[in-house]
């Protein structure tokens, strides 16, 4: 059986909000044996709102 390949180890990404704030997300990328890439995100802040 083939192993899962880590393309990007978990790292913090800050996305901008329209009000000047940020949305922090922990992001990681893996490739599974059949060739698909999977992005895994963990939201660390409140989700964006329509007002953002």
N, C-alpha and C. Protein backbone atom coordinates (compact mmCIF):
# COMPACT_ATOMS: atom_id res chain seq x y z
N UNK A 1 0.85 -1.19 0.00
CA UNK A 1 0.00 0.00 0.00
C UNK A 1 0.88 1.24 0.00
N UNK A 2 0.51 2.21 -0.83
CA UNK A 2 1.25 3.46 -0.90
C UNK A 2 0.90 4.36 0.27
N UNK A 3 1.82 5.28 0.57
CA UNK A 3 1.60 6.21 1.66
C UNK A 3 1.02 7.52 1.16
N UNK A 4 0.41 8.25 2.07
CA UNK A 4 -0.04 9.61 1.79
C UNK A 4 1.19 10.50 1.80
N UNK A 5 1.29 11.41 0.83
CA UNK A 5 2.44 12.32 0.74
C UNK A 5 2.03 13.70 1.25
N UNK A 6 2.80 14.26 2.16
CA UNK A 6 2.55 15.61 2.65
C UNK A 6 3.17 16.59 1.67
N UNK A 7 2.33 17.41 1.05
CA UNK A 7 2.79 18.42 0.09
C UNK A 7 3.16 19.70 0.84
N UNK A 8 2.31 20.13 1.75
CA UNK A 8 2.57 21.29 2.61
C UNK A 8 2.20 20.90 4.02
N UNK A 9 3.16 20.97 4.93
CA UNK A 9 2.88 20.72 6.34
C UNK A 9 1.94 21.82 6.86
N UNK A 10 1.22 21.55 7.94
CA UNK A 10 0.31 22.57 8.47
C UNK A 10 1.04 23.89 8.72
N UNK A 11 0.42 24.96 8.24
CA UNK A 11 0.97 26.30 8.45
C UNK A 11 -0.18 27.30 8.52
N UNK A 12 0.08 28.42 9.18
CA UNK A 12 -0.94 29.44 9.40
C UNK A 12 -1.02 30.37 8.19
N UNK A 13 -2.24 30.63 7.74
CA UNK A 13 -2.50 31.59 6.67
C UNK A 13 -3.52 32.58 7.19
N UNK A 14 -3.24 33.87 7.03
CA UNK A 14 -4.18 34.92 7.43
C UNK A 14 -4.80 35.52 6.18
N UNK A 15 -6.12 35.40 6.06
CA UNK A 15 -6.86 35.97 4.94
C UNK A 15 -7.46 37.29 5.39
N UNK A 16 -7.46 38.31 4.52
CA UNK A 16 -7.97 39.63 4.93
C UNK A 16 -9.49 39.67 4.99
N UNK A 17 -9.98 40.44 5.94
CA UNK A 17 -11.41 40.79 6.00
C UNK A 17 -11.56 42.18 5.38
N UNK A 18 -12.75 42.47 4.89
CA UNK A 18 -12.99 43.78 4.28
C UNK A 18 -12.83 44.92 5.28
N UNK A 19 -13.06 44.62 6.58
CA UNK A 19 -12.95 45.67 7.60
C UNK A 19 -11.52 45.88 8.09
N UNK A 20 -10.54 45.22 7.45
CA UNK A 20 -9.14 45.37 7.84
C UNK A 20 -8.66 44.31 8.80
N UNK A 21 -9.56 43.49 9.31
CA UNK A 21 -9.17 42.40 10.21
C UNK A 21 -8.62 41.22 9.42
N UNK A 22 -8.55 40.08 10.09
CA UNK A 22 -8.04 38.89 9.42
C UNK A 22 -8.84 37.67 9.83
N UNK A 23 -8.76 36.66 9.01
CA UNK A 23 -9.33 35.35 9.32
C UNK A 23 -8.15 34.37 9.29
N UNK A 24 -7.82 33.79 10.43
CA UNK A 24 -6.69 32.86 10.51
C UNK A 24 -7.16 31.44 10.24
N UNK A 25 -6.40 30.76 9.38
CA UNK A 25 -6.73 29.39 8.98
C UNK A 25 -5.45 28.56 9.01
N UNK A 26 -5.51 27.36 9.59
CA UNK A 26 -4.40 26.42 9.51
C UNK A 26 -4.62 25.58 8.25
N UNK A 27 -3.62 25.57 7.36
CA UNK A 27 -3.76 24.94 6.05
C UNK A 27 -2.71 23.84 5.89
N UNK A 28 -3.09 22.72 5.30
CA UNK A 28 -2.17 21.64 4.97
C UNK A 28 -2.62 21.02 3.66
N UNK A 29 -1.66 20.50 2.89
CA UNK A 29 -1.97 19.84 1.61
C UNK A 29 -1.36 18.44 1.63
N UNK A 30 -2.16 17.46 1.20
CA UNK A 30 -1.64 16.09 1.09
C UNK A 30 -2.01 15.54 -0.28
N UNK A 31 -1.26 14.52 -0.73
CA UNK A 31 -1.60 13.81 -1.96
C UNK A 31 -1.84 12.35 -1.56
N UNK A 32 -2.98 11.82 -1.95
CA UNK A 32 -3.32 10.44 -1.63
C UNK A 32 -2.80 9.54 -2.75
N UNK A 33 -2.69 8.24 -2.49
CA UNK A 33 -2.07 7.32 -3.46
C UNK A 33 -2.67 7.34 -4.87
N UNK A 34 -3.94 7.67 -5.02
CA UNK A 34 -4.53 7.68 -6.36
C UNK A 34 -4.25 8.99 -7.11
N UNK A 35 -3.45 9.89 -6.51
CA UNK A 35 -3.02 11.11 -7.19
C UNK A 35 -3.79 12.37 -6.85
N UNK A 36 -4.89 12.24 -6.13
CA UNK A 36 -5.66 13.42 -5.76
C UNK A 36 -4.92 14.24 -4.71
N UNK A 37 -5.01 15.57 -4.84
CA UNK A 37 -4.49 16.48 -3.82
C UNK A 37 -5.67 16.88 -2.94
N UNK A 38 -5.44 16.92 -1.64
CA UNK A 38 -6.49 17.29 -0.69
C UNK A 38 -5.96 18.44 0.16
N UNK A 39 -6.74 19.51 0.23
CA UNK A 39 -6.39 20.65 1.09
C UNK A 39 -7.22 20.54 2.36
N UNK A 40 -6.56 20.60 3.49
CA UNK A 40 -7.23 20.51 4.79
C UNK A 40 -7.12 21.86 5.47
N UNK A 41 -8.25 22.45 5.83
CA UNK A 41 -8.29 23.77 6.46
C UNK A 41 -8.97 23.67 7.82
N UNK A 42 -8.38 24.34 8.79
CA UNK A 42 -9.00 24.47 10.10
C UNK A 42 -9.17 25.95 10.39
N UNK A 43 -10.40 26.40 10.48
CA UNK A 43 -10.71 27.79 10.74
C UNK A 43 -10.40 28.10 12.20
N UNK A 44 -9.57 29.12 12.45
CA UNK A 44 -9.16 29.47 13.81
C UNK A 44 -9.85 30.72 14.33
N UNK A 45 -10.57 31.43 13.48
CA UNK A 45 -11.30 32.65 13.86
C UNK A 45 -12.78 32.48 13.52
N UNK A 46 -13.54 33.52 13.80
CA UNK A 46 -14.94 33.52 13.41
C UNK A 46 -15.02 33.50 11.89
N UNK A 47 -15.97 32.78 11.32
CA UNK A 47 -16.11 32.76 9.86
C UNK A 47 -16.44 34.16 9.32
N UNK A 48 -16.17 34.35 8.06
CA UNK A 48 -16.53 35.61 7.41
C UNK A 48 -18.05 35.78 7.42
N UNK A 49 -18.46 37.03 7.54
CA UNK A 49 -19.87 37.36 7.48
C UNK A 49 -20.13 38.17 6.21
N UNK A 50 -21.37 38.29 5.83
CA UNK A 50 -21.70 39.07 4.65
C UNK A 50 -21.15 40.49 4.78
N UNK A 51 -21.13 41.03 6.01
CA UNK A 51 -20.64 42.39 6.23
C UNK A 51 -19.13 42.51 6.11
N UNK A 52 -18.41 41.37 6.11
CA UNK A 52 -16.96 41.41 5.95
C UNK A 52 -16.63 41.73 4.52
